[in-house]
C-alpha atoms as a PDB file:
ATOM      1  CA  UNK A   1      -0.032  -0.024  -0.079  1.00  0.00           C
ATOM      2  CA  UNK A   2       1.642   3.411  -1.080  1.00  0.00           C
ATOM      3  CA  UNK A   3       1.991   5.513   1.875  1.00  0.00           C
ATOM      4  CA  UNK A   4       3.079   9.140   2.504  1.00  0.00           C
ATOM      5  CA  UNK A   5       5.019  10.730   4.995  1.00  0.00           C
ATOM      6  CA  UNK A   6       2.522  12.421   7.351  1.00  0.00           C
ATOM      7  CA  UNK A   7       3.175  16.295   7.518  1.00  0.00           C
ATOM      8  CA  UNK A   8       2.440  18.708  10.531  1.00  0.00           C
ATOM      9  CA  UNK A   9       0.403  20.975   7.993  1.00  0.00           C
ATOM     10  CA  UNK A  10       1.321  24.611   8.601  1.00  0.00           C
ATOM     11  CA  UNK A  11       3.936  24.268  11.535  1.00  0.00           C
ATOM     12  CA  UNK A  12       6.671  25.550   9.494  1.00  0.00           C
ATOM     13  CA  UNK A  13       4.806  28.339   8.410  1.00  0.00           C
ATOM     14  CA  UNK A  14       4.027  29.610  11.756  1.00  0.00           C
ATOM     15  CA  UNK A  15       7.302  28.866  13.223  1.00  0.00           C
ATOM     16  CA  UNK A  16       8.909  31.522  10.493  1.00  0.00           C
ATOM     17  CA  UNK A  17       6.024  33.578  10.828  1.00  0.00           C
ATOM     18  CA  UNK A  18       6.814  33.759  14.762  1.00  0.00           C
ATOM     19  CA  UNK A  19      10.408  34.128  14.383  1.00  0.00           C
ATOM     20  CA  UNK A  20      10.168  37.259  11.636  1.00  0.00           C
ATOM     21  CA  UNK A  21       7.772  38.714  14.007  1.00  0.00           C
ATOM     22  CA  UNK A  22       9.362  38.612  17.301  1.00  0.00           C
ATOM     23  CA  UNK A  23      13.108  38.948  16.160  1.00  0.00           C
ATOM     24  CA  UNK A  24      12.917  42.115  15.173  1.00  0.00           C
ATOM     25  CA  UNK A  25      11.231  43.526  18.435  1.00  0.00           C
ATOM     26  CA  UNK A  26      13.823  41.551  20.595  1.00  0.00           C
ATOM     27  CA  UNK A  27      16.734  43.269  18.849  1.00  0.00           C
ATOM     28  CA  UNK A  28      15.193  46.441  18.811  1.00  0.00           C
ATOM     29  CA  UNK A  29      14.181  46.268  22.793  1.00  0.00           C
ATOM     30  CA  UNK A  30      18.101  45.426  23.357  1.00  0.00           C
ATOM     31  CA  UNK A  31      19.466  48.373  21.286  1.00  0.00           C
ATOM     32  CA  UNK A  32      17.220  50.558  23.289  1.00  0.00           C
ATOM     33  CA  UNK A  33      18.327  49.052  26.676  1.00  0.00           C
ATOM     34  CA  UNK A  34      21.834  49.034  25.930  1.00  0.00           C
ATOM     35  CA  UNK A  35      21.752  52.867  25.318  1.00  0.00           C
ATOM     36  CA  UNK A  36      19.290  53.984  28.149  1.00  0.00           C
ATOM     37  CA  UNK A  37      21.456  52.026  30.866  1.00  0.00           C
ATOM     38  CA  UNK A  38      24.065  54.061  32.538  1.00  0.00           C
ATOM     39  CA  UNK A  39      27.622  52.439  33.927  1.00  0.00           C
ATOM     40  CA  UNK A  40      26.351  52.258  37.266  1.00  0.00           C
ATOM     41  CA  UNK A  41      23.326  50.988  36.225  1.00  0.00           C
ATOM     42  CA  UNK A  42      24.853  48.584  34.452  1.00  0.00           C
ATOM     43  CA  UNK A  43      27.109  47.483  37.053  1.00  0.00           C
ATOM     44  CA  UNK A  44      24.000  46.804  39.204  1.00  0.00           C
ATOM     45  CA  UNK A  45      22.633  44.498  36.266  1.00  0.00           C
ATOM     46  CA  UNK A  46      25.544  42.706  36.099  1.00  0.00           C
ATOM     47  CA  UNK A  47      25.179  41.349  39.810  1.00  0.00           C
ATOM     48  CA  UNK A  48      21.507  40.282  39.104  1.00  0.00           C
ATOM     49  CA  UNK A  49      20.522  36.866  37.644  1.00  0.00           C
ATOM     50  CA  UNK A  50      20.191  37.154  33.616  1.00  0.00           C
ATOM     51  CA  UNK A  51      16.549  36.172  33.719  1.00  0.00           C
ATOM     52  CA  UNK A  52      16.006  39.396  36.648  1.00  0.00           C
ATOM     53  CA  UNK A  53      17.939  41.670  34.171  1.00  0.00           C
ATOM     54  CA  UNK A  54      16.226  41.119  31.093  1.00  0.00           C
ATOM     55  CA  UNK A  55      12.494  40.691  32.272  1.00  0.00           C
ATOM     56  CA  UNK A  56      11.213  42.176  29.212  1.00  0.00           C
ATOM     57  CA  UNK A  57      13.302  40.224  26.773  1.00  0.00           C
ATOM     58  CA  UNK A  58      12.521  37.055  28.744  1.00  0.00           C
ATOM     59  CA  UNK A  59       9.000  37.709  28.736  1.00  0.00           C
ATOM     60  CA  UNK A  60       9.058  37.832  24.799  1.00  0.00           C
ATOM     61  CA  UNK A  61      11.152  34.567  24.259  1.00  0.00           C
ATOM     62  CA  UNK A  62       8.532  32.905  26.573  1.00  0.00           C
ATOM     63  CA  UNK A  63       5.803  34.184  24.929  1.00  0.00           C
ATOM     64  CA  UNK A  64       7.283  33.390  21.326  1.00  0.00           C
ATOM     65  CA  UNK A  65       8.059  29.719  22.590  1.00  0.00           C
ATOM     66  CA  UNK A  66       4.316  29.170  23.677  1.00  0.00           C
ATOM     67  CA  UNK A  67       3.214  30.252  20.207  1.00  0.00           C
ATOM     68  CA  UNK A  68       5.394  27.581  18.939  1.00  0.00           C
ATOM     69  CA  UNK A  69       4.260  25.236  21.120  1.00  0.00           C
ATOM     70  CA  UNK A  70       0.533  26.109  20.612  1.00  0.00           C
ATOM     71  CA  UNK A  71       1.241  25.904  16.787  1.00  0.00           C
ATOM     72  CA  UNK A  72       2.972  22.434  16.809  1.00  0.00           C
ATOM     73  CA  UNK A  73       0.163  21.003  18.737  1.00  0.00           C
ATOM     74  CA  UNK A  74      -2.782  22.106  17.058  1.00  0.00           C
ATOM     75  CA  UNK A  75      -1.279  20.910  13.938  1.00  0.00           C
ATOM     76  CA  UNK A  76      -0.448  17.340  15.955  1.00  0.00           C
ATOM     77  CA  UNK A  77      -4.397  17.738  16.824  1.00  0.00           C
ATOM     78  CA  UNK A  78      -5.548  18.374  13.249  1.00  0.00           C
ATOM     79  CA  UNK A  79      -3.344  15.620  11.647  1.00  0.00           C
ATOM     80  CA  UNK A  80      -5.080  13.302  14.070  1.00  0.00           C
ATOM     81  CA  UNK A  81      -8.314  14.191  13.491  1.00  0.00           C
ATOM     82  CA  UNK A  82      -9.340  11.722  10.845  1.00  0.00           C
ATOM     83  CA  UNK A  83     -10.251   8.209  11.263  1.00  0.00           C
ATOM     84  CA  UNK A  84      -6.779   6.230  12.193  1.00  0.00           C
ATOM     85  CA  UNK A  85      -8.373   2.950  13.972  1.00  0.00           C
ATOM     86  CA  UNK A  86      -9.231   1.326  10.487  1.00  0.00           C
ATOM     87  CA  UNK A  87      -8.344  -2.356  10.220  1.00  0.00           C
ATOM     88  CA  UNK A  88      -6.027  -3.140   7.509  1.00  0.00           C
ATOM     89  CA  UNK A  89      -7.519  -4.921   4.886  1.00  0.00           C
ATOM     90  CA  UNK A  90     -11.378  -4.960   5.886  1.00  0.00           C
ATOM     91  CA  UNK A  91     -13.396  -4.121   3.184  1.00  0.00           C
ATOM     92  CA  UNK A  92     -15.691  -1.419   3.679  1.00  0.00           C
ATOM     93  CA  UNK A  93     -19.800  -2.058   2.700  1.00  0.00           C
ATOM     94  CA  UNK A  94     -20.879   1.367   3.248  1.00  0.00           C
ATOM     95  CA  UNK A  95     -22.677   2.961   0.537  1.00  0.00           C
ATOM     96  CA  UNK A  96     -20.276   5.576  -1.088  1.00  0.00           C
ATOM     97  CA  UNK A  97     -23.298   8.305  -0.997  1.00  0.00           C
ATOM     98  CA  UNK A  98     -23.116   7.783   2.739  1.00  0.00           C
ATOM     99  CA  UNK A  99     -19.623   8.861   2.911  1.00  0.00           C
ATOM    100  CA  UNK A 100     -20.081  12.185   1.373  1.00  0.00           C
ATOM    101  CA  UNK A 101     -20.475  14.945   3.393  1.00  0.00           C
ATOM    102  CA  UNK A 102     -24.275  15.363   4.598  1.00  0.00           C
ATOM    103  CA  UNK A 103     -26.325  18.512   4.402  1.00  0.00           C
ATOM    104  CA  UNK A 104     -26.091  19.164   8.158  1.00  0.00           C
ATOM    105  CA  UNK A 105     -22.167  18.973   8.095  1.00  0.00           C
ATOM    106  CA  UNK A 106     -21.942  21.762   5.445  1.00  0.00           C
ATOM    107  CA  UNK A 107     -22.036  25.219   6.400  1.00  0.00           C
ATOM    108  CA  UNK A 108     -24.865  27.142   5.137  1.00  0.00           C
ATOM    109  CA  UNK A 109     -22.773  29.494   2.807  1.00  0.00           C
ATOM    110  CA  UNK A 110     -22.090  26.260   0.410  1.00  0.00           C
ATOM    111  CA  UNK A 111     -24.649  26.036  -2.171  1.00  0.00           C
ATOM    112  CA  UNK A 112     -25.218  22.023  -2.583  1.00  0.00           C
ATOM    113  CA  UNK A 113     -25.852  19.787  -5.788  1.00  0.00           C
ATOM    114  CA  UNK A 114     -27.763  16.468  -5.341  1.00  0.00           C
ATOM    115  CA  UNK A 115     -25.429  13.803  -5.041  1.00  0.00           C
ATOM    116  CA  UNK A 116     -25.162  11.797  -8.399  1.00  0.00           C
ATOM    117  CA  UNK A 117     -24.150   8.123  -8.790  1.00  0.00           C
ATOM    118  CA  UNK A 118     -20.807   7.264 -10.609  1.00  0.00           C
ATOM    119  CA  UNK A 119     -19.418   4.617 -12.963  1.00  0.00           C
ATOM    120  CA  UNK A 120     -15.947   4.334 -13.955  1.00  0.00           C
ATOM    121  CA  UNK A 121     -14.405   1.667 -16.618  1.00  0.00           C
ATOM    122  CA  UNK A 122     -12.245  -0.066 -13.593  1.00  0.00           C
ATOM    123  CA  UNK A 123     -11.599  -3.689 -12.253  1.00  0.00           C
ATOM    124  CA  UNK A 124     -13.902  -4.608  -9.278  1.00  0.00           C
ATOM    125  CA  UNK A 125     -15.652  -0.972  -9.527  1.00  0.00           C
ATOM    126  CA  UNK A 126     -18.849  -1.438  -7.331  1.00  0.00           C
ATOM    127  CA  UNK A 127     -20.438   1.783  -6.853  1.00  0.00           C
ATOM    128  CA  UNK A 128     -19.449   5.435  -6.577  1.00  0.00           C
ATOM    129  CA  UNK A 129     -21.132   8.962  -5.782  1.00  0.00           C
ATOM    130  CA  UNK A 130     -19.988  12.580  -6.216  1.00  0.00           C
ATOM    131  CA  UNK A 131     -21.403  15.693  -4.419  1.00  0.00           C
ATOM    132  CA  UNK A 132     -20.771  19.028  -5.896  1.00  0.00           C
ATOM    133  CA  UNK A 133     -20.968  22.567  -3.540  1.00  0.00           C
ATOM    134  CA  UNK A 134     -20.195  25.812  -4.303  1.00  0.00           C
ATOM    135  CA  UNK A 135     -19.970  29.176  -2.554  1.00  0.00           C
ATOM    136  CA  UNK A 136     -20.178  32.801  -3.429  1.00  0.00           C
ATOM    137  CA  UNK A 137     -18.484  35.496  -1.413  1.00  0.00           C
ATOM    138  CA  UNK A 138     -17.875  39.562  -1.985  1.00  0.00           C
ATOM    139  CA  UNK A 139     -14.973  39.097  -4.157  1.00  0.00           C
ATOM    140  CA  UNK A 140     -14.623  35.388  -4.796  1.00  0.00           C
ATOM    141  CA  UNK A 141     -15.940  32.263  -5.669  1.00  0.00           C
ATOM    142  CA  UNK A 142     -15.346  28.225  -4.832  1.00  0.00           C
ATOM    143  CA  UNK A 143     -16.329  24.914  -6.043  1.00  0.00           C
ATOM    144  CA  UNK A 144     -15.894  21.904  -4.583  1.00  0.00           C
ATOM    145  CA  UNK A 145     -16.182  18.353  -6.178  1.00  0.00           C
ATOM    146  CA  UNK A 146     -15.930  15.425  -4.188  1.00  0.00           C
ATOM    147  CA  UNK A 147     -15.979  11.916  -5.341  1.00  0.00           C
ATOM    148  CA  UNK A 148     -16.204   8.641  -3.727  1.00  0.00           C
ATOM    149  CA  UNK A 149     -15.230   4.822  -5.383  1.00  0.00           C
ATOM    150  CA  UNK A 150     -15.988   1.657  -3.449  1.00  0.00           C
ATOM    151  CA  UNK A 151     -14.378  -1.598  -4.801  1.00  0.00           C
ATOM    152  CA  UNK A 152     -14.616  -5.242  -4.405  1.00  0.00           C
ATOM    153  CA  UNK A 153     -11.329  -5.264  -2.938  1.00  0.00           C
ATOM    154  CA  UNK A 154      -8.341  -3.881  -1.355  1.00  0.00           C
ATOM    155  CA  UNK A 155      -5.951  -4.801  -4.306  1.00  0.00           C
ATOM    156  CA  UNK A 156      -8.492  -3.087  -6.852  1.00  0.00           C
ATOM    157  CA  UNK A 157      -8.472  -0.088  -4.996  1.00  0.00           C
ATOM    158  CA  UNK A 158      -4.988   0.078  -4.736  1.00  0.00           C
ATOM    159  CA  UNK A 159      -4.402   0.068  -8.219  1.00  0.00           C
ATOM    160  CA  UNK A 160      -7.105   2.265  -9.332  1.00  0.00           C
ATOM    161  CA  UNK A 161      -5.560   4.802  -6.637  1.00  0.00           C
ATOM    162  CA  UNK A 162      -2.170   4.393  -8.386  1.00  0.00           C
ATOM    163  CA  UNK A 163      -3.430   4.948 -11.651  1.00  0.00           C
ATOM    164  CA  UNK A 164      -4.950   8.063 -10.564  1.00  0.00           C
ATOM    165  CA  UNK A 165      -2.226   9.628  -8.418  1.00  0.00           C
ATOM    166  CA  UNK A 166       0.350   8.532 -11.352  1.00  0.00           C
ATOM    167  CA  UNK A 167      -1.841  10.743 -13.659  1.00  0.00           C
ATOM    168  CA  UNK A 168      -1.846  13.735 -11.588  1.00  0.00           C
ATOM    169  CA  UNK A 169       1.552  13.386 -10.182  1.00  0.00           C
ATOM    170  CA  UNK A 170       3.573  15.548 -13.099  1.00  0.00           C
ATOM    171  CA  UNK A 171       6.506  17.996 -12.851  1.00  0.00           C
ATOM    172  CA  UNK A 172       5.811  21.416 -12.771  1.00  0.00           C
ATOM    173  CA  UNK A 173       3.050  21.237 -10.376  1.00  0.00           C
ATOM    174  CA  UNK A 174       3.592  21.651  -6.391  1.00  0.00           C
ATOM    175  CA  UNK A 175       2.396  18.664  -4.213  1.00  0.00           C
ATOM    176  CA  UNK A 176      -0.445  19.465  -1.681  1.00  0.00           C
ATOM    177  CA  UNK A 177       0.238  17.973   1.753  1.00  0.00           C
ATOM    178  CA  UNK A 178      -2.979  15.856   2.788  1.00  0.00           C
ATOM    179  CA  UNK A 179      -3.229  12.944   5.400  1.00  0.00           C
ATOM    180  CA  UNK A 180      -1.364   9.536   5.553  1.00  0.00           C
ATOM    181  CA  UNK A 181      -2.214   7.243   2.026  1.00  0.00           C
ATOM    182  CA  UNK A 182      -2.832  10.711   0.103  1.00  0.00           C
ATOM    183  CA  UNK A 183      -1.712  12.170  -2.704  1.00  0.00           C
ATOM    184  CA  UNK A 184      -2.520  15.813  -4.019  1.00  0.00           C
ATOM    185  CA  UNK A 185      -1.296  18.823  -6.050  1.00  0.00           C
ATOM    186  CA  UNK A 186      -2.135  22.502  -5.931  1.00  0.00           C
ATOM    187  CA  UNK A 187      -1.609  24.994  -8.897  1.00  0.00           C
ATOM    188  CA  UNK A 188      -1.420  28.618  -6.760  1.00  0.00           C
ATOM    189  CA  UNK A 189      -1.875  31.949  -8.890  1.00  0.00           C
ATOM    190  CA  UNK A 190      -1.560  34.514  -6.397  1.00  0.00           C
ATOM    191  CA  UNK A 191      -4.819  34.688  -4.111  1.00  0.00           C
ATOM    192  CA  UNK A 192      -6.682  32.012  -6.184  1.00  0.00           C
ATOM    193  CA  UNK A 193      -5.767  28.761  -7.625  1.00  0.00           C
ATOM    194  CA  UNK A 194      -6.774  24.940  -7.727  1.00  0.00           C
ATOM    195  CA  UNK A 195      -6.182  21.935  -5.775  1.00  0.00           C
ATOM    196  CA  UNK A 196      -7.010  18.118  -6.118  1.00  0.00           C
ATOM    197  CA  UNK A 197      -5.780  14.901  -4.872  1.00  0.00           C
ATOM    198  CA  UNK A 198      -6.754  11.353  -3.759  1.00  0.00           C
ATOM    199  CA  UNK A 199      -6.946   8.972  -0.811  1.00  0.00           C
ATOM    200  CA  UNK A 200      -7.028   5.399  -0.292  1.00  0.00           C
ATOM    201  CA  UNK A 201      -8.710   3.547   2.287  1.00  0.00           C
ATOM    202  CA  UNK A 202      -9.000  -0.067   2.184  1.00  0.00           C
ATOM    203  CA  UNK A 203     -11.309  -0.964  -0.945  1.00  0.00           C
ATOM    204  CA  UNK A 204     -12.422   3.252  -0.939  1.00  0.00           C
ATOM    205  CA  UNK A 205     -10.684   5.593  -2.965  1.00  0.00           C
ATOM    206  CA  UNK A 206     -11.710   9.118  -2.397  1.00  0.00           C
ATOM    207  CA  UNK A 207     -11.041  12.117  -4.683  1.00  0.00           C
ATOM    208  CA  UNK A 208     -11.718  15.924  -4.282  1.00  0.00           C
ATOM    209  CA  UNK A 209     -10.923  19.350  -6.510  1.00  0.00           C
ATOM    210  CA  UNK A 210     -10.901  22.614  -5.137  1.00  0.00           C
ATOM    211  CA  UNK A 211     -11.207  25.888  -6.975  1.00  0.00           C
ATOM    212  CA  UNK A 212     -11.366  28.855  -5.935  1.00  0.00           C
ATOM    213  CA  UNK A 213     -10.987  32.888  -6.942  1.00  0.00           C
ATOM    214  CA  UNK A 214      -9.355  33.032  -3.037  1.00  0.00           C
ATOM    215  CA  UNK A 215      -6.768  31.601  -1.188  1.00  0.00           C
ATOM    216  CA  UNK A 216      -8.839  29.272   1.047  1.00  0.00           C
ATOM    217  CA  UNK A 217      -8.775  26.478  -1.908  1.00  0.00           C
ATOM    218  CA  UNK A 218      -6.660  24.393  -0.361  1.00  0.00           C
ATOM    219  CA  UNK A 219      -8.128  24.583   3.173  1.00  0.00           C
ATOM    220  CA  UNK A 220     -11.502  23.846   1.943  1.00  0.00           C
ATOM    221  CA  UNK A 221     -10.152  20.741   0.322  1.00  0.00           C
ATOM    222  CA  UNK A 222      -8.630  19.554   3.319  1.00  0.00           C
ATOM    223  CA  UNK A 223     -11.616  20.685   5.633  1.00  0.00           C
ATOM    224  CA  UNK A 224     -14.062  18.288   3.469  1.00  0.00           C
ATOM    225  CA  UNK A 225     -11.445  15.331   3.395  1.00  0.00           C
ATOM    226  CA  UNK A 226     -11.274  15.067   6.878  1.00  0.00           C
ATOM    227  CA  UNK A 227     -15.027  15.166   7.150  1.00  0.00           C
ATOM    228  CA  UNK A 228     -15.082  12.137   4.863  1.00  0.00           C
ATOM    229  CA  UNK A 229     -11.934  10.011   6.180  1.00  0.00           C
ATOM    230  CA  UNK A 230     -13.533  10.352   9.730  1.00  0.00           C
ATOM    231  CA  UNK A 231     -16.383   8.150   8.351  1.00  0.00           C
ATOM    232  CA  UNK A 232     -14.494   5.475   7.236  1.00  0.00           C
END
């Protein structure tokens, strides 16, 4: 079974963000303090513990470390939010339409089309379903397409997954970080773009595609991917 390394989505971004944000503040504070302190004050400070000598700087660094820890923890929790208790090799007999996000699971801002049946020419294909949703905001619009394919065996699902992943895994496009046993790509065009990806869970293959004139296209795809994976 093809597996992709788990990624703490966004952790690197937030760590870099907080470093860029707080490091200049710490440097400016240190420089100002050095100019303000007289020789007498400096002598007194030398006799005090380092933390007491630099209370503000220590506070800034402590807050900085706390934010890093919260960012890492949030991403660990987020990456484990999908169902990881699926028994390997067990056939999933649940109807594909029930695995798609239902009306109560989708925010009211989204408009839903009816779930449609899917038919594909692939060995072992049993049945499939498709749901398309869209939303319009002040200066942007987003469309998300979700498909679930159920096969009669893990092997046939694996073959279809590998085939489809190979078709989108081409040079010149950026890989989109998704959950384990998933592969995705994204096409970032400034503040807009599109993303698509496949996930494999035993005899179930999931496909999602999100296109938007806002920068939220990738996060929308991940949100709906998690809703589906939690059900498997």
